[in-house]
Amino acid sequence: MKTLKFKHEFAKEILEGRKTTTWRLFDDKDLTIGDELELLDRDSGESIGKAVIADLLNKKIKDLTVEELNNHGYDNVDAMIMSHKGYYGGKVDFETDVKILTFKLL
């Protein structure tokens, strides 16, 4: 089973059903629709549940819509890039591929 890690603040949102999407860059897990996932709290390492990928969309960062950015807490692409450089390092730019995953808790 594949795993996805989330910041602690997002774990609560997931369990309350308010967060059902996530972005992943540089997908080293080959995530696809139908994959079952174990969702982990990145801070504690604890499992917060299991889910299945219900939908998946691939885009370049430069092609993200204002709505997609706003739904993930970003005002613009530059803010998103700066935030994700904290996770992935300096290799994040406008041409970076983003997997937008929609998941359903099991």
N, C-alpha and C. Protein backbone atom coordinates (compact mmCIF):
# COMPACT_ATOMS: atom_id res chain seq x y z
N MET A 1 0.85 -1.18 0.00
CA MET A 1 0.00 0.00 0.00
C MET A 1 0.89 1.25 0.00
N LYS A 2 0.54 2.21 -0.81
CA LYS A 2 1.29 3.45 -0.89
C LYS A 2 0.90 4.36 0.27
N THR A 3 1.82 5.23 0.66
CA THR A 3 1.55 6.14 1.76
C THR A 3 1.68 7.59 1.30
N LEU A 4 0.90 8.45 1.93
CA LEU A 4 1.02 9.89 1.74
C LEU A 4 1.11 10.53 3.11
N LYS A 5 2.02 11.47 3.26
CA LYS A 5 2.20 12.18 4.52
C LYS A 5 1.60 13.57 4.42
N PHE A 6 0.99 14.00 5.53
CA PHE A 6 0.37 15.31 5.61
C PHE A 6 0.81 16.02 6.88
N LYS A 7 0.95 17.34 6.79
CA LYS A 7 1.23 18.12 7.99
C LYS A 7 0.11 17.88 8.99
N HIS A 8 0.44 17.98 10.27
CA HIS A 8 -0.52 17.70 11.34
C HIS A 8 -1.80 18.50 11.18
N GLU A 9 -1.69 19.77 10.80
CA GLU A 9 -2.87 20.61 10.67
C GLU A 9 -3.83 20.08 9.60
N PHE A 10 -3.31 19.41 8.58
CA PHE A 10 -4.17 18.86 7.54
C PHE A 10 -4.80 17.52 7.95
N ALA A 11 -4.17 16.82 8.87
CA ALA A 11 -4.72 15.53 9.33
C ALA A 11 -6.12 15.72 9.90
N LYS A 12 -6.31 16.74 10.70
CA LYS A 12 -7.63 17.01 11.29
C LYS A 12 -8.64 17.34 10.19
N GLU A 13 -8.23 18.15 9.22
CA GLU A 13 -9.13 18.50 8.12
C GLU A 13 -9.54 17.27 7.31
N ILE A 14 -8.61 16.35 7.13
CA ILE A 14 -8.91 15.11 6.41
C ILE A 14 -9.94 14.30 7.19
N LEU A 15 -9.69 14.12 8.48
CA LEU A 15 -10.60 13.32 9.30
C LEU A 15 -12.00 13.93 9.40
N GLU A 16 -12.08 15.25 9.29
CA GLU A 16 -13.38 15.94 9.34
C GLU A 16 -14.04 16.02 7.96
N GLY A 17 -13.35 15.49 6.94
CA GLY A 17 -13.91 15.48 5.59
C GLY A 17 -13.80 16.79 4.85
N ARG A 18 -13.05 17.75 5.40
CA ARG A 18 -12.91 19.06 4.76
C ARG A 18 -11.77 19.09 3.74
N LYS A 19 -10.83 18.18 3.85
CA LYS A 19 -9.72 18.11 2.89
C LYS A 19 -9.78 16.77 2.18
N THR A 20 -10.01 16.84 0.86
CA THR A 20 -10.11 15.61 0.07
C THR A 20 -9.21 15.67 -1.17
N THR A 21 -8.38 16.71 -1.25
CA THR A 21 -7.44 16.79 -2.35
C THR A 21 -6.04 17.11 -1.82
N THR A 22 -5.06 16.76 -2.60
CA THR A 22 -3.68 17.09 -2.27
C THR A 22 -2.89 17.20 -3.56
N TRP A 23 -1.77 17.89 -3.50
CA TRP A 23 -0.86 18.02 -4.64
C TRP A 23 0.40 17.25 -4.32
N ARG A 24 0.94 16.62 -5.33
CA ARG A 24 2.23 15.97 -5.19
C ARG A 24 3.10 16.33 -6.39
N LEU A 25 4.33 16.70 -6.12
CA LEU A 25 5.32 17.02 -7.14
C LEU A 25 6.34 15.89 -7.17
N PHE A 26 6.95 15.69 -8.31
CA PHE A 26 8.01 14.69 -8.46
C PHE A 26 7.54 13.32 -7.94
N ASP A 27 6.42 12.85 -8.46
CA ASP A 27 5.76 11.62 -7.99
C ASP A 27 6.68 10.41 -8.14
N ASP A 28 7.27 9.99 -7.04
CA ASP A 28 8.14 8.81 -7.05
C ASP A 28 7.37 7.53 -6.72
N LYS A 29 6.06 7.65 -6.50
CA LYS A 29 5.23 6.49 -6.14
C LYS A 29 4.35 6.02 -7.29
N ASP A 30 4.39 6.74 -8.42
CA ASP A 30 3.55 6.42 -9.56
C ASP A 30 2.08 6.31 -9.14
N LEU A 31 1.59 7.35 -8.51
CA LEU A 31 0.21 7.39 -8.01
C LEU A 31 -0.78 7.38 -9.17
N THR A 32 -1.81 6.52 -9.08
CA THR A 32 -2.82 6.41 -10.13
C THR A 32 -4.20 6.25 -9.50
N ILE A 33 -5.22 6.52 -10.30
CA ILE A 33 -6.60 6.36 -9.84
C ILE A 33 -6.80 4.91 -9.40
N GLY A 34 -7.46 4.74 -8.26
CA GLY A 34 -7.73 3.41 -7.72
C GLY A 34 -6.71 2.94 -6.69
N ASP A 35 -5.58 3.62 -6.60
CA ASP A 35 -4.58 3.24 -5.60
C ASP A 35 -5.14 3.41 -4.20
N GLU A 36 -4.92 2.41 -3.36
CA GLU A 36 -5.25 2.53 -1.95
C GLU A 36 -4.06 3.13 -1.23
N LEU A 37 -4.35 4.03 -0.31
CA LEU A 37 -3.32 4.79 0.38
C LEU A 37 -3.46 4.67 1.88
N GLU A 38 -2.35 4.71 2.57
CA GLU A 38 -2.36 4.93 4.00
C GLU A 38 -1.95 6.38 4.20
N LEU A 39 -2.78 7.13 4.91
CA LEU A 39 -2.52 8.54 5.15
C LEU A 39 -1.84 8.68 6.50
N LEU A 40 -0.72 9.39 6.53
CA LEU A 40 0.07 9.52 7.74
C LEU A 40 0.19 10.98 8.17
N ASP A 41 0.18 11.18 9.49
CA ASP A 41 0.50 12.48 10.06
C ASP A 41 2.01 12.62 10.00
N ARG A 42 2.50 13.55 9.21
CA ARG A 42 3.94 13.70 9.00
C ARG A 42 4.68 14.02 10.30
N ASP A 43 4.03 14.75 11.20
CA ASP A 43 4.69 15.17 12.42
C ASP A 43 4.82 14.04 13.44
N SER A 44 3.77 13.22 13.57
CA SER A 44 3.80 12.14 14.57
C SER A 44 4.13 10.78 13.97
N GLY A 45 3.96 10.63 12.66
CA GLY A 45 4.18 9.35 12.02
C GLY A 45 3.00 8.41 12.14
N GLU A 46 1.94 8.85 12.83
CA GLU A 46 0.77 7.99 13.05
C GLU A 46 -0.13 7.95 11.82
N SER A 47 -0.78 6.81 11.65
CA SER A 47 -1.76 6.66 10.58
C SER A 47 -3.02 7.44 10.94
N ILE A 48 -3.55 8.17 9.95
CA ILE A 48 -4.81 8.88 10.18
C ILE A 48 -5.94 8.23 9.39
N GLY A 49 -5.63 7.17 8.66
CA GLY A 49 -6.67 6.46 7.94
C GLY A 49 -6.20 5.94 6.60
N LYS A 50 -7.13 5.28 5.94
CA LYS A 50 -6.88 4.74 4.61
C LYS A 50 -7.81 5.45 3.63
N ALA A 51 -7.35 5.56 2.40
CA ALA A 51 -8.12 6.24 1.37
C ALA A 51 -7.84 5.60 0.03
N VAL A 52 -8.63 5.99 -0.96
CA VAL A 52 -8.42 5.55 -2.34
C VAL A 52 -8.40 6.80 -3.22
N ILE A 53 -7.53 6.78 -4.23
CA ILE A 53 -7.48 7.89 -5.17
C ILE A 53 -8.68 7.78 -6.10
N ALA A 54 -9.56 8.78 -6.06
CA ALA A 54 -10.78 8.78 -6.85
C ALA A 54 -10.60 9.52 -8.18
N ASP A 55 -9.71 10.51 -8.19
CA ASP A 55 -9.49 11.29 -9.40
C ASP A 55 -8.07 11.81 -9.39
N LEU A 56 -7.54 12.07 -10.55
CA LEU A 56 -6.16 12.54 -10.66
C LEU A 56 -6.05 13.44 -11.89
N LEU A 57 -5.36 14.55 -11.72
CA LEU A 57 -5.15 15.50 -12.80
C LEU A 57 -3.69 15.90 -12.80
N ASN A 58 -3.06 15.88 -13.96
CA ASN A 58 -1.66 16.30 -14.11
C ASN A 58 -1.62 17.67 -14.78
N LYS A 59 -0.84 18.59 -14.21
CA LYS A 59 -0.68 19.93 -14.76
C LYS A 59 0.72 20.42 -14.48
N LYS A 60 1.13 21.43 -15.20
CA LYS A 60 2.34 22.17 -14.87
C LYS A 60 1.93 23.26 -13.87
N ILE A 61 2.85 23.65 -13.01
CA ILE A 61 2.54 24.69 -12.03
C ILE A 61 2.01 25.94 -12.74
N LYS A 62 2.60 26.31 -13.85
CA LYS A 62 2.19 27.52 -14.55
C LYS A 62 0.75 27.45 -15.06
N ASP A 63 0.17 26.25 -15.14
CA ASP A 63 -1.19 26.07 -15.66
C ASP A 63 -2.25 25.96 -14.57
N LEU A 64 -1.85 26.04 -13.30
CA LEU A 64 -2.83 25.99 -12.21
C LEU A 64 -3.74 27.21 -12.27
N THR A 65 -5.02 26.99 -12.04
CA THR A 65 -5.98 28.09 -12.07
C THR A 65 -5.96 28.84 -10.74
N VAL A 66 -6.50 30.04 -10.77
CA VAL A 66 -6.63 30.83 -9.54
C VAL A 66 -7.47 30.06 -8.52
N GLU A 67 -8.53 29.42 -8.98
CA GLU A 67 -9.38 28.64 -8.08
C GLU A 67 -8.60 27.49 -7.43
N GLU A 68 -7.82 26.76 -8.22
CA GLU A 68 -7.03 25.66 -7.67
C GLU A 68 -6.03 26.19 -6.65
N LEU A 69 -5.38 27.29 -6.96
CA LEU A 69 -4.43 27.89 -6.02
C LEU A 69 -5.13 28.33 -4.74
N ASN A 70 -6.25 29.04 -4.88
CA ASN A 70 -7.00 29.51 -3.71
C ASN A 70 -7.50 28.36 -2.85
N ASN A 71 -7.95 27.28 -3.47
CA ASN A 71 -8.45 26.12 -2.73
C ASN A 71 -7.37 25.46 -1.88
N HIS A 72 -6.11 25.71 -2.23
CA HIS A 72 -5.00 25.16 -1.46
C HIS A 72 -4.29 26.23 -0.64
N GLY A 73 -4.92 27.41 -0.52
CA GLY A 73 -4.40 28.43 0.36
C GLY A 73 -3.35 29.36 -0.24
N TYR A 74 -3.26 29.41 -1.55
CA TYR A 74 -2.27 30.27 -2.20
C TYR A 74 -2.95 31.39 -2.97
N ASP A 75 -2.36 32.58 -2.91
CA ASP A 75 -2.89 33.72 -3.64
C ASP A 75 -2.44 33.73 -5.09
N ASN A 76 -1.27 33.13 -5.34
CA ASN A 76 -0.74 33.15 -6.70
C ASN A 76 0.28 32.02 -6.86
N VAL A 77 0.74 31.85 -8.09
CA VAL A 77 1.68 30.78 -8.41
C VAL A 77 3.02 30.98 -7.68
N ASP A 78 3.47 32.22 -7.59
CA ASP A 78 4.74 32.48 -6.91
C ASP A 78 4.71 32.02 -5.46
N ALA A 79 3.59 32.27 -4.77
CA ALA A 79 3.46 31.83 -3.37
C ALA A 79 3.48 30.31 -3.28
N MET A 80 2.84 29.66 -4.24
CA MET A 80 2.83 28.19 -4.25
C MET A 80 4.23 27.65 -4.47
N ILE A 81 4.95 28.23 -5.42
CA ILE A 81 6.32 27.77 -5.70
C ILE A 81 7.21 27.95 -4.47
N MET A 82 7.14 29.09 -3.83
CA MET A 82 7.96 29.34 -2.63
C MET A 82 7.65 28.33 -1.54
N SER A 83 6.37 28.06 -1.32
CA SER A 83 5.98 27.10 -0.31
C SER A 83 6.53 25.70 -0.63
N HIS A 84 6.39 25.28 -1.85
CA HIS A 84 6.81 23.93 -2.22
C HIS A 84 8.32 23.77 -2.33
N LYS A 85 9.04 24.86 -2.47
CA LYS A 85 10.50 24.76 -2.40
C LYS A 85 10.92 24.32 -1.00
N GLY A 86 10.09 24.63 0.00
CA GLY A 86 10.36 24.17 1.36
C GLY A 86 10.27 22.66 1.49
N TYR A 87 9.43 22.04 0.68
CA TYR A 87 9.29 20.58 0.70
C TYR A 87 10.26 19.89 -0.25
N TYR A 88 10.46 20.48 -1.42
CA TYR A 88 11.17 19.81 -2.50
C TYR A 88 12.50 20.44 -2.89
N GLY A 89 12.85 21.57 -2.32
CA GLY A 89 14.10 22.24 -2.66
C GLY A 89 13.95 23.17 -3.86
N GLY A 90 15.08 23.69 -4.30
CA GLY A 90 15.11 24.70 -5.33
C GLY A 90 14.70 24.26 -6.71
N LYS A 91 14.43 22.98 -6.91
CA LYS A 91 14.11 22.50 -8.25
C LYS A 91 12.67 22.77 -8.67
N VAL A 92 11.86 23.39 -7.81
CA VAL A 92 10.47 23.70 -8.13
C VAL A 92 10.41 25.01 -8.92
N ASP A 93 9.74 24.95 -10.09
CA ASP A 93 9.58 26.17 -10.89
C ASP A 93 8.27 26.08 -11.68
N PHE A 94 8.05 27.04 -12.56
CA PHE A 94 6.80 27.11 -13.32
C PHE A 94 6.55 25.88 -14.19
N GLU A 95 7.61 25.19 -14.59
CA GLU A 95 7.48 24.02 -15.47
C GLU A 95 7.33 22.70 -14.72
N THR A 96 7.38 22.73 -13.40
CA THR A 96 7.28 21.51 -12.60
C THR A 96 5.89 20.89 -12.74
N ASP A 97 5.84 19.57 -12.90
CA ASP A 97 4.58 18.84 -12.97
C ASP A 97 3.96 18.70 -11.59
N VAL A 98 2.64 18.84 -11.54
CA VAL A 98 1.87 18.69 -10.30
C VAL A 98 0.82 17.61 -10.53
N LYS A 99 0.73 16.66 -9.61
CA LYS A 99 -0.38 15.70 -9.62
C LYS A 99 -1.39 16.20 -8.59
N ILE A 100 -2.59 16.45 -9.05
CA ILE A 100 -3.67 16.88 -8.17
C ILE A 100 -4.52 15.64 -7.90
N LEU A 101 -4.48 15.16 -6.66
CA LEU A 101 -5.18 13.94 -6.28
C LEU A 101 -6.45 14.27 -5.51
N THR A 102 -7.52 13.63 -5.87
CA THR A 102 -8.74 13.66 -5.07
C THR A 102 -8.88 12.27 -4.47
N PHE A 103 -9.06 12.22 -3.15
CA PHE A 103 -9.13 10.93 -2.47
C PHE A 103 -10.40 10.83 -1.64
N LYS A 104 -10.80 9.58 -1.38
CA LYS A 104 -11.96 9.28 -0.53
C LYS A 104 -11.50 8.39 0.60
N LEU A 105 -11.87 8.76 1.83
CA LEU A 105 -11.53 7.91 2.98
C LEU A 105 -12.27 6.60 2.88
N LEU A 106 -11.61 5.55 3.32
CA LEU A 106 -12.24 4.21 3.33
C LEU A 106 -12.79 3.91 4.71
